[in-house]
Amino acid sequence: MDRTSPLGAFLKARRARLSPDDVGLPRYGDRRRVPGLRREEVALLAGVSAGYYTRLEQGQQGNASPEVLDALARALHLSPAERDHLHDLSPTTGHRTRPATSGDDEKVSADLRTLLTTMAAHVPALVVGRRNDVLAWNRTGHALLAAHLDFAAPDDPGARPNLSRLVFLDAPTRALYRDWPAKARAVVGNLRILTARNPGDTHLAALIAELTALSQEFRSMWDAHTVAPCGRDVHTLSHPAVGELTVTQQTFDVPKEPHQSLVTFTAEPGSPSAVALEALKCRGRIVDTPVACAPTP
């Protein structure tokens, strides 16, 4: 875990990935003892004093204005997602959600459950909460991602599957992703965003501590301070029931439920992956809505 403040640790990690050549600064033939830009170089590029930037990175300066943070984002060549993350980490400008000490209060509305059930005939889907806990899934979403788990597990707050924990600590989930490192990095990048937006969430902090203790790969990825918001990703899966298929994962915010997201999985129409998805839906007639399935050999 970071020894400095989260804001300082993120700034340090971002300047370490840049060289003077990246930002148009001369090297003067110097030999650097550490990779990346020096603190005074970042300060120069951002238009602040070296002492101010040093205090900010060391967690001794907590009142950075939005303008200063934007200047630092430009100096460090941050992406839009990283810039937002920088603001989230600031104690004065950060976006903070309400304190959360338990996941028992996370519930899926009846309307959203109806939508999940209706989608089951065509689209695997699930709803995740503020810590990547699975709050609900439809039959095809369950069959696609976690058929080895109890379908009713999300209904019990104490037994809900957590997608981050599954990716790093569950062998069947790890085997599901052909490019597991890419999936794992995306999970860690999303967790970075969640922790910045929910600094008082003790359960989220416990999840990070658990993954840090049990997975060397997680520790390495976490230390990289990568930021990756959920949106659209393409994954190739090695499914134990229907073989290899490529799916597009899309994540949507749930209206009136800012901590919940609807995650869907689709395949290119007419592709072998679409055929595999159809076979998954038909296998055992796992959906309630009638589906035109080919005869089982």
Protein backbone atom coordinates (compact mmCIF):
# COMPACT_ATOMS: atom_id res chain seq x y z
CA MET A 1 0.00 0.00 0.00
CA ASP A 2 1.10 3.61 -0.56
CA ARG A 3 3.20 5.17 2.23
CA THR A 4 2.45 8.70 1.02
CA SER A 5 -0.97 10.20 0.45
CA PRO A 6 -2.97 8.72 -2.44
CA LEU A 7 -2.63 12.02 -4.31
CA GLY A 8 1.12 12.12 -3.78
CA ALA A 9 1.59 8.49 -4.74
CA PHE A 10 -0.34 9.02 -7.98
CA LEU A 11 1.69 12.12 -8.89
CA LYS A 12 4.93 10.28 -8.19
CA ALA A 13 3.88 7.32 -10.34
CA ARG A 14 2.84 9.56 -13.24
CA ARG A 15 6.07 11.60 -13.29
CA ALA A 16 8.10 8.37 -13.14
CA ARG A 17 6.74 7.28 -16.51
CA LEU A 18 7.85 10.45 -18.34
CA SER A 19 11.29 11.48 -19.52
CA PRO A 20 12.55 15.01 -20.29
CA ASP A 21 12.32 14.11 -23.97
CA ASP A 22 8.60 13.40 -23.58
CA VAL A 23 7.89 16.94 -22.36
CA GLY A 24 10.49 18.89 -24.32
CA LEU A 25 12.97 19.54 -21.51
CA PRO A 26 16.76 19.44 -22.03
CA ARG A 27 18.79 16.72 -20.34
CA TYR A 28 22.11 18.58 -20.11
CA GLY A 29 23.84 15.22 -20.28
CA ASP A 30 22.87 14.38 -16.71
CA ARG A 31 22.71 10.89 -15.29
CA ARG A 32 19.49 10.30 -13.40
CA ARG A 33 19.39 8.15 -10.33
CA VAL A 34 15.65 7.50 -10.69
CA PRO A 35 13.47 7.13 -13.78
CA GLY A 36 11.15 9.87 -14.93
CA LEU A 37 10.96 13.58 -14.33
CA ARG A 38 12.33 15.30 -11.26
CA ARG A 39 9.96 17.10 -8.95
CA GLU A 40 11.35 20.49 -9.89
CA GLU A 41 10.79 19.70 -13.57
CA VAL A 42 7.13 18.91 -12.96
CA ALA A 43 6.81 22.11 -10.95
CA LEU A 44 8.37 24.11 -13.78
CA LEU A 45 6.00 22.62 -16.35
CA ALA A 46 2.97 23.22 -14.11
CA GLY A 47 3.95 26.78 -13.18
CA VAL A 48 4.20 26.19 -9.42
CA SER A 49 7.15 26.39 -7.06
CA ALA A 50 9.30 23.33 -6.51
CA GLY A 51 8.66 23.53 -2.77
CA TYR A 52 4.91 23.63 -3.24
CA TYR A 53 4.95 20.62 -5.57
CA THR A 54 7.22 18.68 -3.21
CA ARG A 55 4.85 19.32 -0.28
CA LEU A 56 1.90 18.28 -2.45
CA GLU A 57 3.56 15.01 -3.45
CA GLN A 58 4.59 14.31 0.14
CA GLY A 59 1.07 14.85 1.42
CA GLN A 60 1.97 18.02 3.32
CA GLN A 61 0.00 20.38 1.07
CA GLY A 62 -3.68 19.51 0.90
CA ASN A 63 -5.28 22.59 -0.61
CA ALA A 64 -4.48 22.32 -4.31
CA SER A 65 -6.96 24.30 -6.37
CA PRO A 66 -8.71 22.88 -9.45
CA GLU A 67 -6.54 25.17 -11.58
CA VAL A 68 -3.34 23.78 -10.08
CA LEU A 69 -4.54 20.22 -10.53
CA ASP A 70 -5.38 20.93 -14.18
CA ALA A 71 -1.91 22.43 -14.66
CA LEU A 72 -0.34 19.31 -13.17
CA ALA A 73 -2.51 17.12 -15.41
CA ARG A 74 -1.20 18.98 -18.47
CA ALA A 75 2.39 18.83 -17.24
CA LEU A 76 2.18 15.09 -16.67
CA HIS A 77 0.32 14.42 -19.94
CA LEU A 78 -2.58 12.78 -18.12
CA SER A 79 -5.45 11.25 -20.02
CA PRO A 80 -8.97 12.59 -19.37
CA ALA A 81 -9.64 9.64 -17.04
CA GLU A 82 -6.38 10.25 -15.17
CA ARG A 83 -7.16 13.96 -14.87
CA ASP A 84 -10.54 13.14 -13.31
CA HIS A 85 -8.81 10.69 -10.99
CA LEU A 86 -6.35 13.39 -9.91
CA HIS A 87 -9.27 15.62 -8.94
CA ASP A 88 -10.98 12.74 -7.13
CA LEU A 89 -7.85 12.23 -5.03
CA SER A 90 -7.68 15.85 -3.91
CA PRO A 91 -9.10 16.40 -0.41
CA THR A 92 -10.34 19.87 -1.41
CA THR A 93 -11.71 19.35 -4.92
CA GLY A 94 -12.37 15.61 -4.97
CA HIS A 95 -15.72 14.07 -5.71
CA ARG A 96 -16.76 12.15 -2.62
CA THR A 97 -19.63 9.71 -2.29
CA ARG A 98 -21.47 9.15 0.95
CA PRO A 99 -19.64 7.03 3.54
CA ALA A 100 -20.29 3.33 3.10
CA THR A 101 -19.56 0.80 5.81
CA SER A 102 -21.65 -2.15 4.65
CA GLY A 103 -22.77 -3.72 1.41
CA ASP A 104 -26.04 -4.97 2.89
CA ASP A 105 -27.90 -1.86 1.72
CA GLU A 106 -27.11 -2.42 -1.96
CA LYS A 107 -30.30 -3.63 -3.61
CA VAL A 108 -31.39 -4.00 -7.22
CA SER A 109 -34.76 -2.47 -8.05
CA ALA A 110 -37.63 -4.65 -9.23
CA ASP A 111 -37.64 -2.85 -12.59
CA LEU A 112 -33.96 -3.60 -13.14
CA ARG A 113 -34.46 -7.26 -12.25
CA THR A 114 -37.28 -7.41 -14.80
CA LEU A 115 -34.96 -5.90 -17.40
CA LEU A 116 -32.26 -8.49 -16.63
CA THR A 117 -34.74 -11.34 -17.00
CA THR A 118 -36.09 -9.94 -20.26
CA MET A 119 -32.59 -9.52 -21.65
CA ALA A 120 -31.67 -13.12 -20.84
CA ALA A 121 -33.02 -14.46 -24.14
CA HIS A 122 -30.61 -12.27 -26.09
CA VAL A 123 -27.96 -10.57 -23.93
CA PRO A 124 -25.92 -11.87 -20.99
CA ALA A 125 -25.97 -9.15 -18.33
CA LEU A 126 -25.36 -8.42 -14.68
CA VAL A 127 -25.57 -5.55 -12.21
CA VAL A 128 -22.56 -4.64 -10.09
CA GLY A 129 -22.36 -2.39 -7.04
CA ARG A 130 -19.91 0.19 -5.74
CA ARG A 131 -17.24 -2.41 -4.92
CA ASN A 132 -17.70 -4.64 -8.00
CA ASP A 133 -19.96 -7.00 -6.07
CA VAL A 134 -22.44 -8.83 -8.30
CA LEU A 135 -25.85 -7.66 -7.12
CA ALA A 136 -27.82 -9.60 -9.75
CA TRP A 137 -27.34 -11.41 -13.05
CA ASN A 138 -29.53 -13.07 -15.61
CA ARG A 139 -29.24 -16.73 -16.51
CA THR A 140 -27.08 -16.14 -19.57
CA GLY A 141 -24.79 -13.73 -17.74
CA HIS A 142 -24.30 -16.31 -15.01
CA ALA A 143 -23.71 -19.09 -17.56
CA LEU A 144 -21.19 -16.96 -19.49
CA LEU A 145 -19.07 -15.78 -16.57
CA ALA A 146 -19.59 -17.98 -13.53
CA ALA A 147 -21.57 -21.16 -14.09
CA HIS A 148 -19.41 -22.80 -11.41
CA LEU A 149 -21.01 -20.52 -8.80
CA ASP A 150 -24.49 -20.68 -7.30
CA PHE A 151 -26.91 -18.63 -9.41
CA ALA A 152 -28.58 -17.32 -6.23
CA ALA A 153 -25.30 -16.15 -4.63
CA PRO A 154 -25.88 -12.42 -5.40
CA ASP A 155 -29.10 -12.52 -3.35
CA ASP A 156 -27.11 -13.06 -0.14
CA PRO A 157 -25.11 -9.91 0.82
CA GLY A 158 -22.67 -12.08 2.73
CA ALA A 159 -21.97 -14.41 -0.20
CA ARG A 160 -22.10 -12.10 -3.21
CA PRO A 161 -19.42 -12.81 -5.81
CA ASN A 162 -16.99 -9.94 -6.29
CA LEU A 163 -15.71 -9.53 -9.84
CA SER A 164 -12.32 -8.19 -8.75
CA ARG A 165 -11.80 -11.06 -6.33
CA LEU A 166 -12.88 -13.60 -8.96
CA VAL A 167 -10.42 -12.30 -11.56
CA PHE A 168 -7.44 -12.56 -9.21
CA LEU A 169 -8.31 -15.40 -6.83
CA ASP A 170 -10.73 -17.72 -8.66
CA ALA A 171 -9.08 -20.29 -10.95
CA PRO A 172 -12.08 -20.87 -13.30
CA THR A 173 -12.48 -17.13 -13.85
CA ARG A 174 -8.79 -16.70 -14.54
CA ALA A 175 -8.89 -19.53 -17.08
CA LEU A 176 -11.91 -17.95 -18.79
CA TYR A 177 -9.94 -14.95 -20.15
CA ARG A 178 -7.50 -15.68 -22.96
CA ASP A 179 -5.67 -12.41 -22.22
CA TRP A 180 -5.92 -12.55 -18.45
CA PRO A 181 -3.26 -9.85 -17.81
CA ALA A 182 -5.23 -7.31 -19.85
CA LYS A 183 -8.42 -8.14 -17.93
CA ALA A 184 -6.57 -7.95 -14.62
CA ARG A 185 -5.08 -4.55 -15.44
CA ALA A 186 -8.53 -3.24 -16.33
CA VAL A 187 -9.89 -4.48 -13.01
CA VAL A 188 -7.10 -2.78 -11.07
CA GLY A 189 -7.53 0.44 -13.04
CA ASN A 190 -11.22 0.50 -12.16
CA LEU A 191 -10.49 -0.24 -8.51
CA ARG A 192 -8.18 2.79 -8.41
CA ILE A 193 -11.11 4.97 -9.47
CA LEU A 194 -13.48 3.38 -6.96
CA THR A 195 -11.10 3.86 -4.03
CA ALA A 196 -10.50 7.52 -4.92
CA ARG A 197 -14.24 8.19 -5.02
CA ASN A 198 -14.98 6.22 -1.83
CA PRO A 199 -12.08 6.94 0.55
CA GLY A 200 -14.16 6.14 3.64
CA ASP A 201 -15.41 2.75 2.43
CA THR A 202 -13.90 0.27 4.88
CA HIS A 203 -15.13 -2.77 2.96
CA LEU A 204 -13.50 -1.54 -0.24
CA ALA A 205 -10.28 -0.92 1.66
CA ALA A 206 -10.50 -4.46 3.06
CA LEU A 207 -10.91 -5.85 -0.47
CA ILE A 208 -7.77 -4.03 -1.62
CA ALA A 209 -5.88 -5.30 1.43
CA GLU A 210 -7.04 -8.86 0.76
CA LEU A 211 -5.99 -8.79 -2.89
CA THR A 212 -2.67 -7.17 -1.98
CA ALA A 213 -1.95 -9.89 0.56
CA LEU A 214 -2.98 -12.84 -1.62
CA SER A 215 -1.82 -11.88 -5.12
CA GLN A 216 1.66 -10.77 -6.12
CA GLU A 217 0.27 -9.88 -9.55
CA PHE A 218 -2.30 -7.60 -7.97
CA ARG A 219 0.37 -5.90 -5.84
CA SER A 220 2.50 -5.21 -8.91
CA MET A 221 -0.42 -3.83 -10.93
CA TRP A 222 -1.72 -1.77 -7.99
CA ASP A 223 1.68 -0.12 -7.53
CA ALA A 224 1.56 1.05 -11.16
CA HIS A 225 -1.35 3.42 -10.32
CA THR A 226 -3.07 2.68 -13.62
CA VAL A 227 -6.47 4.35 -14.06
CA ALA A 228 -8.99 2.60 -16.34
CA PRO A 229 -12.68 3.52 -16.17
CA CYS A 230 -15.17 0.88 -17.23
CA GLY A 231 -16.74 1.52 -20.59
CA ARG A 232 -16.23 -0.77 -23.54
CA ASP A 233 -13.83 -3.71 -23.71
CA VAL A 234 -13.44 -6.69 -26.01
CA HIS A 235 -12.51 -10.03 -24.46
CA THR A 236 -11.79 -13.42 -25.95
CA LEU A 237 -13.09 -16.11 -23.64
CA SER A 238 -12.21 -19.80 -23.43
CA HIS A 239 -15.55 -21.06 -22.20
CA PRO A 240 -15.66 -24.61 -20.79
CA ALA A 241 -19.12 -25.29 -22.32
CA VAL A 242 -19.09 -23.62 -25.75
CA GLY A 243 -15.42 -23.08 -26.54
CA GLU A 244 -13.74 -19.88 -27.65
CA LEU A 245 -15.77 -16.75 -28.27
CA THR A 246 -15.13 -13.01 -28.46
CA VAL A 247 -17.54 -10.69 -26.66
CA THR A 248 -17.89 -6.94 -26.31
CA GLN A 249 -18.39 -5.89 -22.70
CA GLN A 250 -20.17 -2.57 -22.15
CA THR A 251 -20.86 -0.88 -18.84
CA PHE A 252 -23.73 1.55 -18.28
CA ASP A 253 -24.61 3.66 -15.25
CA VAL A 254 -27.96 2.76 -13.70
CA PRO A 255 -30.31 5.77 -13.55
CA LYS A 256 -31.04 6.95 -10.00
CA GLU A 257 -28.52 4.42 -8.64
CA PRO A 258 -25.11 6.13 -8.95
CA HIS A 259 -23.25 3.24 -7.34
CA GLN A 260 -24.68 0.58 -9.66
CA SER A 261 -23.73 -0.38 -13.22
CA LEU A 262 -25.37 -2.61 -15.81
CA VAL A 263 -22.79 -4.76 -17.62
CA THR A 264 -23.71 -6.43 -20.91
CA PHE A 265 -21.97 -8.86 -23.26
CA THR A 266 -22.64 -9.10 -26.99
CA ALA A 267 -21.07 -10.78 -30.00
CA GLU A 268 -20.85 -9.66 -33.61
CA PRO A 269 -24.06 -10.81 -35.35
CA GLY A 270 -23.51 -13.83 -37.58
CA SER A 271 -20.04 -14.49 -36.17
CA PRO A 272 -18.86 -17.80 -34.71
CA SER A 273 -18.94 -16.07 -31.32
CA ALA A 274 -22.64 -15.24 -31.80
CA VAL A 275 -23.25 -18.90 -32.59
CA ALA A 276 -21.39 -19.87 -29.43
CA LEU A 277 -23.48 -17.45 -27.36
CA GLU A 278 -26.65 -18.92 -28.85
CA ALA A 279 -25.43 -22.40 -27.97
CA LEU A 280 -24.79 -21.22 -24.43
CA LYS A 281 -28.35 -19.88 -24.14
CA CYS A 282 -29.79 -23.08 -25.54
CA ARG A 283 -27.64 -25.40 -23.49
CA GLY A 284 -30.02 -26.83 -20.94
CA ARG A 285 -32.69 -24.26 -21.93
CA ILE A 286 -31.38 -21.87 -19.31
CA VAL A 287 -33.68 -19.01 -20.33
CA ASP A 288 -37.38 -18.78 -19.58
CA THR A 289 -38.23 -16.96 -22.81
CA PRO A 290 -38.64 -19.37 -25.77
CA VAL A 291 -35.53 -19.45 -27.97
CA ALA A 292 -35.23 -21.10 -31.37
CA CYS A 293 -32.51 -23.64 -30.69
CA ALA A 294 -31.02 -26.16 -33.05
CA PRO A 295 -31.57 -29.79 -32.08
CA THR A 296 -29.01 -31.06 -29.62
CA PRO A 297 -26.85 -33.82 -31.14
